[in-house]
C-alpha atoms as a PDB file:
ATOM      1  CA  MET A   1      45.787 -36.807   9.219  1.00  0.00           C
ATOM      2  CA  GLU A   2      46.585 -36.558  12.868  1.00  0.00           C
ATOM      3  CA  ASN A   3      44.706 -38.714  15.315  1.00  0.00           C
ATOM      4  CA  HIS A   4      42.665 -36.131  17.219  1.00  0.00           C
ATOM      5  CA  THR A   5      39.032 -35.567  18.185  1.00  0.00           C
ATOM      6  CA  TYR A   6      36.409 -34.322  15.698  1.00  0.00           C
ATOM      7  CA  TRP A   7      33.491 -32.167  16.690  1.00  0.00           C
ATOM      8  CA  PHE A   8      30.007 -32.404  15.223  1.00  0.00           C
ATOM      9  CA  PHE A   9      27.220 -29.872  15.020  1.00  0.00           C
ATOM     10  CA  VAL A  10      24.028 -31.916  14.920  1.00  0.00           C
ATOM     11  CA  LEU A  11      21.790 -28.987  13.919  1.00  0.00           C
ATOM     12  CA  SER A  12      22.188 -25.236  14.316  1.00  0.00           C
ATOM     13  CA  PHE A  13      19.374 -25.065  16.916  1.00  0.00           C
ATOM     14  CA  THR A  14      20.644 -27.930  19.106  1.00  0.00           C
ATOM     15  CA  THR A  15      22.615 -25.427  21.160  1.00  0.00           C
ATOM     16  CA  GLN A  16      19.302 -24.647  22.878  1.00  0.00           C
ATOM     17  CA  GLU A  17      18.980 -27.071  25.771  1.00  0.00           C
ATOM     18  CA  GLU A  18      15.175 -27.157  25.716  1.00  0.00           C
ATOM     19  CA  ASN A  19      15.189 -28.606  22.167  1.00  0.00           C
ATOM     20  CA  LYS A  20      17.376 -31.606  22.953  1.00  0.00           C
ATOM     21  CA  PRO A  21      14.792 -33.848  24.729  1.00  0.00           C
ATOM     22  CA  PHE A  22      12.237 -33.211  21.976  1.00  0.00           C
ATOM     23  CA  LEU A  23      14.752 -33.991  19.220  1.00  0.00           C
ATOM     24  CA  SER A  24      15.937 -37.112  21.043  1.00  0.00           C
ATOM     25  CA  VAL A  25      12.384 -38.455  21.366  1.00  0.00           C
ATOM     26  CA  PHE A  26      11.682 -37.602  17.717  1.00  0.00           C
ATOM     27  CA  PHE A  27      14.742 -39.480  16.440  1.00  0.00           C
ATOM     28  CA  VAL A  28      14.133 -42.482  18.720  1.00  0.00           C
ATOM     29  CA  VAL A  29      10.512 -42.749  17.529  1.00  0.00           C
ATOM     30  CA  ILE A  30      11.562 -42.477  13.866  1.00  0.00           C
ATOM     31  CA  TYR A  31      14.273 -45.091  14.447  1.00  0.00           C
ATOM     32  CA  LEU A  32      11.905 -47.558  16.142  1.00  0.00           C
ATOM     33  CA  ILE A  33       9.257 -47.121  13.442  1.00  0.00           C
ATOM     34  CA  GLY A  34      11.862 -47.753  10.759  1.00  0.00           C
ATOM     35  CA  MET A  35      13.247 -50.813  12.541  1.00  0.00           C
ATOM     36  CA  PHE A  36       9.766 -52.265  13.019  1.00  0.00           C
ATOM     37  CA  ALA A  37       8.602 -51.523   9.460  1.00  0.00           C
ATOM     38  CA  ASN A  38      11.742 -52.868   7.780  1.00  0.00           C
ATOM     39  CA  SER A  39      11.893 -55.944  10.030  1.00  0.00           C
ATOM     40  CA  THR A  40       8.224 -56.630   9.304  1.00  0.00           C
ATOM     41  CA  THR A  41       8.861 -56.399   5.558  1.00  0.00           C
ATOM     42  CA  ILE A  42      11.697 -58.916   5.794  1.00  0.00           C
ATOM     43  CA  THR A  43       9.613 -61.279   7.973  1.00  0.00           C
ATOM     44  CA  VAL A  44       6.561 -61.100   5.685  1.00  0.00           C
ATOM     45  CA  VAL A  45       8.567 -61.805   2.529  1.00  0.00           C
ATOM     46  CA  TYR A  46      10.505 -64.625   4.203  1.00  0.00           C
ATOM     47  CA  ASN A  47       7.354 -66.367   5.469  1.00  0.00           C
ATOM     48  CA  ASP A  48       5.247 -66.120   2.287  1.00  0.00           C
ATOM     49  CA  GLN A  49       6.286 -68.424  -0.558  1.00  0.00           C
ATOM     50  CA  HIS A  50       4.332 -66.325  -3.072  1.00  0.00           C
ATOM     51  CA  LEU A  51       6.675 -63.416  -2.409  1.00  0.00           C
ATOM     52  CA  HIS A  52       9.841 -65.391  -3.151  1.00  0.00           C
ATOM     53  CA  THR A  53      10.407 -63.509  -6.403  1.00  0.00           C
ATOM     54  CA  PRO A  54      13.239 -61.226  -7.577  1.00  0.00           C
ATOM     55  CA  MET A  55      11.323 -58.026  -6.803  1.00  0.00           C
ATOM     56  CA  TYR A  56      10.728 -58.997  -3.168  1.00  0.00           C
ATOM     57  CA  LEU A  57      14.229 -60.406  -2.775  1.00  0.00           C
ATOM     58  CA  PHE A  58      15.546 -56.977  -3.737  1.00  0.00           C
ATOM     59  CA  LEU A  59      12.996 -55.352  -1.413  1.00  0.00           C
ATOM     60  CA  CYS A  60      14.299 -57.435   1.518  1.00  0.00           C
ATOM     61  CA  ASN A  61      17.836 -56.270   0.781  1.00  0.00           C
ATOM     62  CA  LEU A  62      16.599 -52.675   0.633  1.00  0.00           C
ATOM     63  CA  SER A  63      15.055 -53.155   4.099  1.00  0.00           C
ATOM     64  CA  ILE A  64      18.367 -54.528   5.423  1.00  0.00           C
ATOM     65  CA  ILE A  65      20.189 -51.506   4.002  1.00  0.00           C
ATOM     66  CA  ASP A  66      17.641 -49.127   5.532  1.00  0.00           C
ATOM     67  CA  ILE A  67      18.029 -50.768   8.955  1.00  0.00           C
ATOM     68  CA  CYS A  68      21.792 -50.292   8.662  1.00  0.00           C
ATOM     69  CA  TYR A  69      21.373 -46.681   7.497  1.00  0.00           C
ATOM     70  CA  THR A  70      19.524 -45.587  10.599  1.00  0.00           C
ATOM     71  CA  THR A  71      21.490 -47.794  13.018  1.00  0.00           C
ATOM     72  CA  ILE A  72      24.787 -46.264  11.872  1.00  0.00           C
ATOM     73  CA  THR A  73      23.633 -42.690  12.535  1.00  0.00           C
ATOM     74  CA  VAL A  74      20.653 -42.424  14.916  1.00  0.00           C
ATOM     75  CA  PRO A  75      21.926 -44.056  18.165  1.00  0.00           C
ATOM     76  CA  LYS A  76      25.066 -41.892  18.183  1.00  0.00           C
ATOM     77  CA  LEU A  77      23.025 -38.814  17.286  1.00  0.00           C
ATOM     78  CA  VAL A  78      20.641 -39.397  20.204  1.00  0.00           C
ATOM     79  CA  TYR A  79      23.585 -39.993  22.558  1.00  0.00           C
ATOM     80  CA  MET A  80      25.158 -36.679  21.506  1.00  0.00           C
ATOM     81  CA  LEU A  81      21.890 -34.813  22.036  1.00  0.00           C
ATOM     82  CA  LEU A  82      21.311 -36.249  25.516  1.00  0.00           C
ATOM     83  CA  SER A  83      24.900 -36.173  26.782  1.00  0.00           C
ATOM     84  CA  GLY A  84      26.058 -32.945  25.167  1.00  0.00           C
ATOM     85  CA  ASP A  85      29.213 -34.761  24.045  1.00  0.00           C
ATOM     86  CA  TYR A  86      29.582 -33.994  20.327  1.00  0.00           C
ATOM     87  CA  THR A  87      32.984 -35.615  19.875  1.00  0.00           C
ATOM     88  CA  LEU A  88      34.062 -38.687  17.993  1.00  0.00           C
ATOM     89  CA  THR A  89      37.528 -40.187  18.075  1.00  0.00           C
ATOM     90  CA  PHE A  90      39.517 -40.745  14.887  1.00  0.00           C
ATOM     91  CA  THR A  91      38.646 -44.462  14.936  1.00  0.00           C
ATOM     92  CA  GLN A  92      34.939 -43.946  15.680  1.00  0.00           C
ATOM     93  CA  CYS A  93      34.619 -41.363  12.941  1.00  0.00           C
ATOM     94  CA  PHE A  94      36.099 -43.461  10.174  1.00  0.00           C
ATOM     95  CA  ILE A  95      34.375 -46.664  11.252  1.00  0.00           C
ATOM     96  CA  GLN A  96      31.099 -44.771  10.927  1.00  0.00           C
ATOM     97  CA  MET A  97      32.179 -43.370   7.565  1.00  0.00           C
ATOM     98  CA  PHE A  98      33.103 -46.842   6.301  1.00  0.00           C
ATOM     99  CA  PHE A  99      29.778 -48.472   7.174  1.00  0.00           C
ATOM    100  CA  PHE A 100      27.704 -45.493   6.063  1.00  0.00           C
ATOM    101  CA  SER A 101      29.491 -45.318   2.695  1.00  0.00           C
ATOM    102  CA  HIS A 102      29.072 -49.079   2.324  1.00  0.00           C
ATOM    103  CA  VAL A 103      25.291 -49.049   2.669  1.00  0.00           C
ATOM    104  CA  ALA A 104      24.930 -45.769   0.720  1.00  0.00           C
ATOM    105  CA  THR A 105      26.754 -47.282  -2.271  1.00  0.00           C
ATOM    106  CA  ALA A 106      24.772 -50.501  -1.935  1.00  0.00           C
ATOM    107  CA  GLU A 107      21.472 -48.593  -1.930  1.00  0.00           C
ATOM    108  CA  ASP A 108      22.409 -46.583  -5.021  1.00  0.00           C
ATOM    109  CA  LEU A 109      23.175 -49.785  -6.926  1.00  0.00           C
ATOM    110  CA  LEU A 110      20.208 -51.708  -5.512  1.00  0.00           C
ATOM    111  CA  LEU A 111      17.735 -49.004  -6.551  1.00  0.00           C
ATOM    112  CA  PHE A 112      19.099 -49.274 -10.086  1.00  0.00           C
ATOM    113  CA  ILE A 113      18.696 -53.074 -10.026  1.00  0.00           C
ATOM    114  CA  MET A 114      15.118 -52.680  -8.782  1.00  0.00           C
ATOM    115  CA  ALA A 115      14.452 -50.271 -11.668  1.00  0.00           C
ATOM    116  CA  TYR A 116      15.982 -52.833 -14.050  1.00  0.00           C
ATOM    117  CA  ASP A 117      13.712 -55.508 -12.530  1.00  0.00           C
ATOM    118  CA  ARG A 118      10.627 -53.396 -13.355  1.00  0.00           C
ATOM    119  CA  TYR A 119      12.003 -52.679 -16.836  1.00  0.00           C
ATOM    120  CA  VAL A 120      12.408 -56.369 -17.618  1.00  0.00           C
ATOM    121  CA  ALA A 121       9.031 -57.275 -16.067  1.00  0.00           C
ATOM    122  CA  ILE A 122       7.151 -54.729 -18.200  1.00  0.00           C
ATOM    123  CA  CYS A 123       9.259 -54.425 -21.350  1.00  0.00           C
ATOM    124  CA  ASN A 124      10.507 -58.037 -21.671  1.00  0.00           C
ATOM    125  CA  PRO A 125       8.059 -60.148 -19.641  1.00  0.00           C
ATOM    126  CA  LEU A 126       8.693 -63.342 -21.632  1.00  0.00           C
ATOM    127  CA  HIS A 127      12.397 -63.260 -20.716  1.00  0.00           C
ATOM    128  CA  TYR A 128      11.895 -62.177 -17.097  1.00  0.00           C
ATOM    129  CA  HIS A 129      12.558 -65.544 -15.430  1.00  0.00           C
ATOM    130  CA  VAL A 130      15.621 -66.126 -17.600  1.00  0.00           C
ATOM    131  CA  MET A 131      17.182 -62.675 -17.186  1.00  0.00           C
ATOM    132  CA  LEU A 132      16.376 -62.540 -13.473  1.00  0.00           C
ATOM    133  CA  SER A 133      16.784 -66.158 -12.503  1.00  0.00           C
ATOM    134  CA  LYS A 134      17.599 -67.069  -8.909  1.00  0.00           C
ATOM    135  CA  LYS A 135      21.284 -67.452  -9.787  1.00  0.00           C
ATOM    136  CA  ASN A 136      21.437 -64.080 -11.568  1.00  0.00           C
ATOM    137  CA  CYS A 137      19.657 -62.327  -8.698  1.00  0.00           C
ATOM    138  CA  ILE A 138      22.108 -63.735  -6.153  1.00  0.00           C
ATOM    139  CA  LEU A 139      25.054 -62.690  -8.337  1.00  0.00           C
ATOM    140  CA  LEU A 140      23.617 -59.178  -8.652  1.00  0.00           C
ATOM    141  CA  LEU A 141      23.192 -58.866  -4.891  1.00  0.00           C
ATOM    142  CA  VAL A 142      26.704 -60.184  -4.212  1.00  0.00           C
ATOM    143  CA  ALA A 143      28.007 -57.595  -6.686  1.00  0.00           C
ATOM    144  CA  VAL A 144      26.021 -54.835  -4.930  1.00  0.00           C
ATOM    145  CA  TRP A 145      27.364 -55.619  -1.453  1.00  0.00           C
ATOM    146  CA  ALA A 146      30.922 -56.325  -2.665  1.00  0.00           C
ATOM    147  CA  THR A 147      31.057 -53.083  -4.685  1.00  0.00           C
ATOM    148  CA  GLY A 148      29.775 -51.184  -1.657  1.00  0.00           C
ATOM    149  CA  PHE A 149      32.500 -52.724   0.502  1.00  0.00           C
ATOM    150  CA  PHE A 150      35.414 -51.960  -1.813  1.00  0.00           C
ATOM    151  CA  ASN A 151      34.191 -48.482  -2.690  1.00  0.00           C
ATOM    152  CA  SER A 152      33.703 -47.678   0.997  1.00  0.00           C
ATOM    153  CA  LEU A 153      37.149 -49.028   1.833  1.00  0.00           C
ATOM    154  CA  SER A 154      38.852 -46.852  -0.792  1.00  0.00           C
ATOM    155  CA  LEU A 155      36.820 -43.794   0.216  1.00  0.00           C
ATOM    156  CA  THR A 156      37.556 -44.213   3.922  1.00  0.00           C
ATOM    157  CA  LEU A 157      41.277 -44.820   3.425  1.00  0.00           C
ATOM    158  CA  THR A 158      41.576 -41.838   1.079  1.00  0.00           C
ATOM    159  CA  THR A 159      39.702 -39.488   3.415  1.00  0.00           C
ATOM    160  CA  SER A 160      41.533 -40.639   6.543  1.00  0.00           C
ATOM    161  CA  ASN A 161      44.872 -39.746   4.927  1.00  0.00           C
ATOM    162  CA  MET A 162      43.891 -36.179   4.050  1.00  0.00           C
ATOM    163  CA  SER A 163      45.424 -33.181   5.776  1.00  0.00           C
ATOM    164  CA  LEU A 164      43.054 -30.792   7.529  1.00  0.00           C
ATOM    165  CA  CYS A 165      43.801 -27.079   7.108  1.00  0.00           C
ATOM    166  CA  TYR A 166      40.731 -25.278   8.423  1.00  0.00           C
ATOM    167  CA  SER A 167      39.495 -26.943  11.614  1.00  0.00           C
ATOM    168  CA  ASN A 168      38.542 -30.248  13.180  1.00  0.00           C
ATOM    169  CA  ILE A 169      34.868 -29.267  13.305  1.00  0.00           C
ATOM    170  CA  VAL A 170      32.807 -31.423  10.950  1.00  0.00           C
ATOM    171  CA  THR A 171      29.547 -29.575  10.346  1.00  0.00           C
ATOM    172  CA  GLN A 172      27.404 -32.677  10.033  1.00  0.00           C
ATOM    173  CA  PHE A 173      25.878 -35.172  12.470  1.00  0.00           C
ATOM    174  CA  TYR A 174      27.798 -38.114  10.990  1.00  0.00           C
ATOM    175  CA  CYS A 175      31.148 -38.614   9.272  1.00  0.00           C
ATOM    176  CA  GLU A 176      30.867 -38.379   5.510  1.00  0.00           C
ATOM    177  CA  LEU A 177      32.941 -37.345   2.516  1.00  0.00           C
ATOM    178  CA  LYS A 178      31.544 -33.878   1.822  1.00  0.00           C
ATOM    179  CA  ALA A 179      31.875 -32.764   5.446  1.00  0.00           C
ATOM    180  CA  PHE A 180      35.613 -33.515   5.295  1.00  0.00           C
ATOM    181  CA  ALA A 181      35.999 -31.878   1.877  1.00  0.00           C
ATOM    182  CA  LYS A 182      34.996 -28.575   3.506  1.00  0.00           C
ATOM    183  CA  ILE A 183      37.845 -28.619   6.023  1.00  0.00           C
ATOM    184  CA  ALA A 184      40.569 -30.437   4.078  1.00  0.00           C
ATOM    185  CA  CYS A 185      43.605 -28.704   2.632  1.00  0.00           C
ATOM    186  CA  PRO A 186      43.242 -27.892  -1.097  1.00  0.00           C
ATOM    187  CA  ASN A 187      43.958 -31.139  -2.901  1.00  0.00           C
ATOM    188  CA  THR A 188      43.269 -31.608  -6.601  1.00  0.00           C
ATOM    189  CA  GLY A 189      43.564 -35.381  -6.334  1.00  0.00           C
ATOM    190  CA  PHE A 190      40.983 -35.592  -3.568  1.00  0.00           C
ATOM    191  CA  GLN A 191      38.606 -33.249  -5.412  1.00  0.00           C
ATOM    192  CA  LEU A 192      38.882 -35.435  -8.517  1.00  0.00           C
ATOM    193  CA  PHE A 193      38.276 -38.531  -6.398  1.00  0.00           C
ATOM    194  CA  SER A 194      35.162 -37.017  -4.798  1.00  0.00           C
ATOM    195  CA  TYR A 195      33.740 -35.990  -8.189  1.00  0.00           C
ATOM    196  CA  MET A 196      34.367 -39.469  -9.606  1.00  0.00           C
ATOM    197  CA  GLU A 197      32.694 -40.942  -6.521  1.00  0.00           C
ATOM    198  CA  ALA A 198      29.621 -38.754  -7.077  1.00  0.00           C
ATOM    199  CA  VAL A 199      29.419 -39.553 -10.785  1.00  0.00           C
ATOM    200  CA  ILE A 200      30.015 -43.323 -10.625  1.00  0.00           C
ATOM    201  CA  PHE A 201      27.939 -44.141  -7.548  1.00  0.00           C
ATOM    202  CA  GLY A 202      25.428 -41.301  -7.651  1.00  0.00           C
ATOM    203  CA  PHE A 203      24.757 -39.837 -11.071  1.00  0.00           C
ATOM    204  CA  LEU A 204      25.210 -42.982 -13.200  1.00  0.00           C
ATOM    205  CA  PRO A 205      22.820 -45.210 -11.170  1.00  0.00           C
ATOM    206  CA  PHE A 206      20.256 -42.398 -11.174  1.00  0.00           C
ATOM    207  CA  LEU A 207      20.666 -41.921 -14.941  1.00  0.00           C
ATOM    208  CA  CYS A 208      20.215 -45.662 -15.527  1.00  0.00           C
ATOM    209  CA  CYS A 209      17.064 -45.641 -13.357  1.00  0.00           C
ATOM    210  CA  LEU A 210      15.762 -42.669 -15.328  1.00  0.00           C
ATOM    211  CA  ILE A 211      16.395 -44.353 -18.686  1.00  0.00           C
ATOM    212  CA  SER A 212      14.744 -47.574 -17.468  1.00  0.00           C
ATOM    213  CA  TYR A 213      11.600 -45.759 -16.356  1.00  0.00           C
ATOM    214  CA  ILE A 214      11.386 -43.670 -19.527  1.00  0.00           C
ATOM    215  CA  LYS A 215      11.301 -46.928 -21.478  1.00  0.00           C
ATOM    216  CA  VAL A 216       8.807 -48.421 -19.012  1.00  0.00           C
ATOM    217  CA  ILE A 217       6.486 -45.412 -19.316  1.00  0.00           C
ATOM    218  CA  ILE A 218       6.680 -45.555 -23.126  1.00  0.00           C
ATOM    219  CA  VAL A 219       5.630 -49.224 -23.054  1.00  0.00           C
ATOM    220  CA  ILE A 220       2.831 -48.536 -20.548  1.00  0.00           C
ATOM    221  CA  LEU A 221       1.444 -45.698 -22.691  1.00  0.00           C
ATOM    222  CA  HIS A 222       1.211 -48.088 -25.652  1.00  0.00           C
ATOM    223  CA  ILE A 223      -0.988 -50.510 -23.697  1.00  0.00           C
ATOM    224  CA  LYS A 224      -4.495 -50.155 -25.166  1.00  0.00           C
ATOM    225  CA  SER A 225      -6.434 -51.197 -22.079  1.00  0.00           C
ATOM    226  CA  SER A 226      -6.756 -48.514 -19.373  1.00  0.00           C
ATOM    227  CA  ASP A 227      -6.964 -51.260 -16.762  1.00  0.00           C
ATOM    228  CA  GLY A 228      -3.774 -52.780 -18.159  1.00  0.00           C
ATOM    229  CA  ARG A 229      -1.995 -49.432 -17.998  1.00  0.00           C
ATOM    230  CA  ARG A 230      -3.123 -48.951 -14.403  1.00  0.00           C
ATOM    231  CA  LYS A 231      -1.904 -52.400 -13.334  1.00  0.00           C
ATOM    232  CA  ALA A 232       1.415 -51.976 -15.126  1.00  0.00           C
ATOM    233  CA  PHE A 233       2.046 -48.582 -13.576  1.00  0.00           C
ATOM    234  CA  SER A 234       1.037 -49.779 -10.087  1.00  0.00           C
ATOM    235  CA  THR A 235       3.828 -52.383 -10.159  1.00  0.00           C
ATOM    236  CA  CYS A 236       6.493 -49.673 -10.388  1.00  0.00           C
ATOM    237  CA  SER A 237       4.877 -46.608  -8.748  1.00  0.00           C
ATOM    238  CA  SER A 238       6.179 -47.483  -5.252  1.00  0.00           C
ATOM    239  CA  HIS A 239       9.727 -47.767  -6.500  1.00  0.00           C
ATOM    240  CA  LEU A 240       9.376 -44.472  -8.361  1.00  0.00           C
ATOM    241  CA  ILE A 241       8.326 -42.720  -5.141  1.00  0.00           C
ATOM    242  CA  VAL A 242      11.295 -44.223  -3.274  1.00  0.00           C
ATOM    243  CA  LEU A 243      13.660 -43.110  -6.061  1.00  0.00           C
ATOM    244  CA  ILE A 244      12.310 -39.561  -5.993  1.00  0.00           C
ATOM    245  CA  MET A 245      12.657 -39.316  -2.196  1.00  0.00           C
ATOM    246  CA  PHE A 246      16.134 -40.857  -2.050  1.00  0.00           C
ATOM    247  CA  TYR A 247      17.710 -38.971  -4.942  1.00  0.00           C
ATOM    248  CA  GLY A 248      15.751 -35.775  -4.258  1.00  0.00           C
ATOM    249  CA  ALA A 249      17.087 -35.511  -0.705  1.00  0.00           C
ATOM    250  CA  GLY A 250      20.535 -36.724  -1.813  1.00  0.00           C
ATOM    251  CA  VAL A 251      20.805 -34.058  -4.509  1.00  0.00           C
ATOM    252  CA  CYS A 252      19.847 -31.336  -2.010  1.00  0.00           C
ATOM    253  CA  VAL A 253      22.692 -32.529   0.251  1.00  0.00           C
ATOM    254  CA  TYR A 254      25.463 -33.127  -2.283  1.00  0.00           C
ATOM    255  CA  ILE A 255      24.735 -30.792  -5.189  1.00  0.00           C
ATOM    256  CA  ARG A 256      25.686 -27.703  -3.191  1.00  0.00           C
ATOM    257  CA  PRO A 257      29.396 -26.802  -3.358  1.00  0.00           C
ATOM    258  CA  PRO A 258      31.421 -27.220  -0.136  1.00  0.00           C
ATOM    259  CA  THR A 259      31.176 -24.028   1.895  1.00  0.00           C
ATOM    260  CA  GLN A 260      31.714 -23.055   5.475  1.00  0.00           C
ATOM    261  CA  TYR A 261      28.317 -21.432   5.940  1.00  0.00           C
ATOM    262  CA  ARG A 262      24.542 -22.010   5.913  1.00  0.00           C
ATOM    263  CA  GLU A 263      24.751 -25.606   7.131  1.00  0.00           C
ATOM    264  CA  GLY A 264      21.239 -25.717   8.623  1.00  0.00           C
ATOM    265  CA  PRO A 265      19.302 -26.536   5.418  1.00  0.00           C
ATOM    266  CA  GLU A 266      21.904 -29.102   4.379  1.00  0.00           C
ATOM    267  CA  GLN A 267      21.625 -30.913   7.696  1.00  0.00           C
ATOM    268  CA  VAL A 268      17.827 -30.949   7.447  1.00  0.00           C
ATOM    269  CA  PHE A 269      18.095 -32.615   4.035  1.00  0.00           C
ATOM    270  CA  SER A 270      20.684 -34.999   5.505  1.00  0.00           C
ATOM    271  CA  ILE A 271      18.115 -36.069   8.108  1.00  0.00           C
ATOM    272  CA  LEU A 272      15.578 -36.695   5.323  1.00  0.00           C
ATOM    273  CA  TYR A 273      18.205 -38.604   3.325  1.00  0.00           C
ATOM    274  CA  THR A 274      19.643 -40.778   6.087  1.00  0.00           C
ATOM    275  CA  ILE A 275      16.803 -41.185   8.622  1.00  0.00           C
ATOM    276  CA  VAL A 276      13.359 -40.287   7.304  1.00  0.00           C
ATOM    277  CA  THR A 277      13.580 -41.878   3.841  1.00  0.00           C
ATOM    278  CA  PRO A 278      14.798 -45.303   5.114  1.00  0.00           C
ATOM    279  CA  THR A 279      11.870 -45.247   7.560  1.00  0.00           C
ATOM    280  CA  LEU A 280       9.288 -44.424   4.891  1.00  0.00           C
ATOM    281  CA  ASN A 281      10.528 -46.912   2.269  1.00  0.00           C
ATOM    282  CA  PRO A 282       8.893 -50.050   3.745  1.00  0.00           C
ATOM    283  CA  LEU A 283       5.705 -48.126   4.548  1.00  0.00           C
ATOM    284  CA  ILE A 284       5.425 -46.981   0.926  1.00  0.00           C
ATOM    285  CA  TYR A 285       5.952 -50.494  -0.418  1.00  0.00           C
ATOM    286  CA  SER A 286       3.572 -52.053   2.116  1.00  0.00           C
ATOM    287  CA  LEU A 287       0.752 -49.521   1.815  1.00  0.00           C
ATOM    288  CA  ARG A 288       0.843 -49.504  -2.001  1.00  0.00           C
ATOM    289  CA  ASN A 289       1.419 -53.214  -2.551  1.00  0.00           C
ATOM    290  CA  LYS A 290      -1.575 -55.546  -2.337  1.00  0.00           C
ATOM    291  CA  ASP A 291       0.573 -58.707  -2.223  1.00  0.00           C
ATOM    292  CA  VAL A 292       2.546 -57.440   0.777  1.00  0.00           C
ATOM    293  CA  LYS A 293      -0.615 -56.336   2.589  1.00  0.00           C
ATOM    294  CA  ASP A 294      -2.284 -59.691   1.969  1.00  0.00           C
ATOM    295  CA  ALA A 295       0.811 -61.567   3.165  1.00  0.00           C
ATOM    296  CA  LEU A 296       0.983 -59.385   6.282  1.00  0.00           C
ATOM    297  CA  ILE A 297      -2.687 -60.034   7.121  1.00  0.00           C
ATOM    298  CA  LYS A 298      -2.156 -63.765   6.608  1.00  0.00           C
ATOM    299  CA  LEU A 299       0.905 -63.720   8.908  1.00  0.00           C
ATOM    300  CA  ILE A 300      -0.990 -61.814  11.620  1.00  0.00           C
ATOM    301  CA  ARG A 301      -3.842 -64.313  11.478  1.00  0.00           C
ATOM    302  CA  LEU A 302      -1.436 -67.251  11.788  1.00  0.00           C
ATOM    303  CA  LYS A 303       0.291 -65.662  14.782  1.00  0.00           C
ATOM    304  CA  SER A 304      -3.015 -64.891  16.489  1.00  0.00           C
ATOM    305  CA  LYS A 305      -4.213 -68.504  16.370  1.00  0.00           C
END
């Protein structure tokens, strides 16, 4: 691939000058809310000894990933809207692709591990502290981040060596695999690589999450006490909502075949997938989790003294 400039269409209606200030303010507000909410989650869990459990350790890592998600895309997006400069150099484009792919892979795997955590807690509670010991949790997290790194490295190197046949206009507001698949020369090897990427780091984690929660729901339905069923379901309902939002928006972005047209809806779902969902994740966990709310209130009271 030649080293030339790539152009990005942020959204189909951004060509209208009067929309740019509004969109810029909207994205900045969403970004700041997400940064504050995710940073607060990390601070609350770190400062409360009662939250030093596997579930909240994984939640902290999810907050770190969500901070990275929005930081990789939003600042550059806002700059493009305000400056009118929709270009990225070869180096900028693939640096962004590398880091975005890294955290996207890490989130896919982490959501599966969080589903596994709820499966063990509800289906095998007596073995929970053995199966998810501190050592095992650290090993799982190292595997998540390391897998994300190596997968992102292979994806970025493969994509950067493709030949472009159609144009250098990437119809997306950030550099990602599917956007390049639309403008690359026909290449069976690259198509196979992209399908394997989608299956291994998209479909399989989702399938594992689905299987885990089917088993969890079966166990919950066999609990005789209605109060017991409610408590058991409340421990995993937040994660279920996050899974539905993340994979729902992701499917809407990546399930459609690469085409040259009708990019507007896809970019809207991309915004939900890469900006809105990472912002809502900590709010969902905080608002639906009594332990987190109690720890937050305790931290606020300590700081106010």
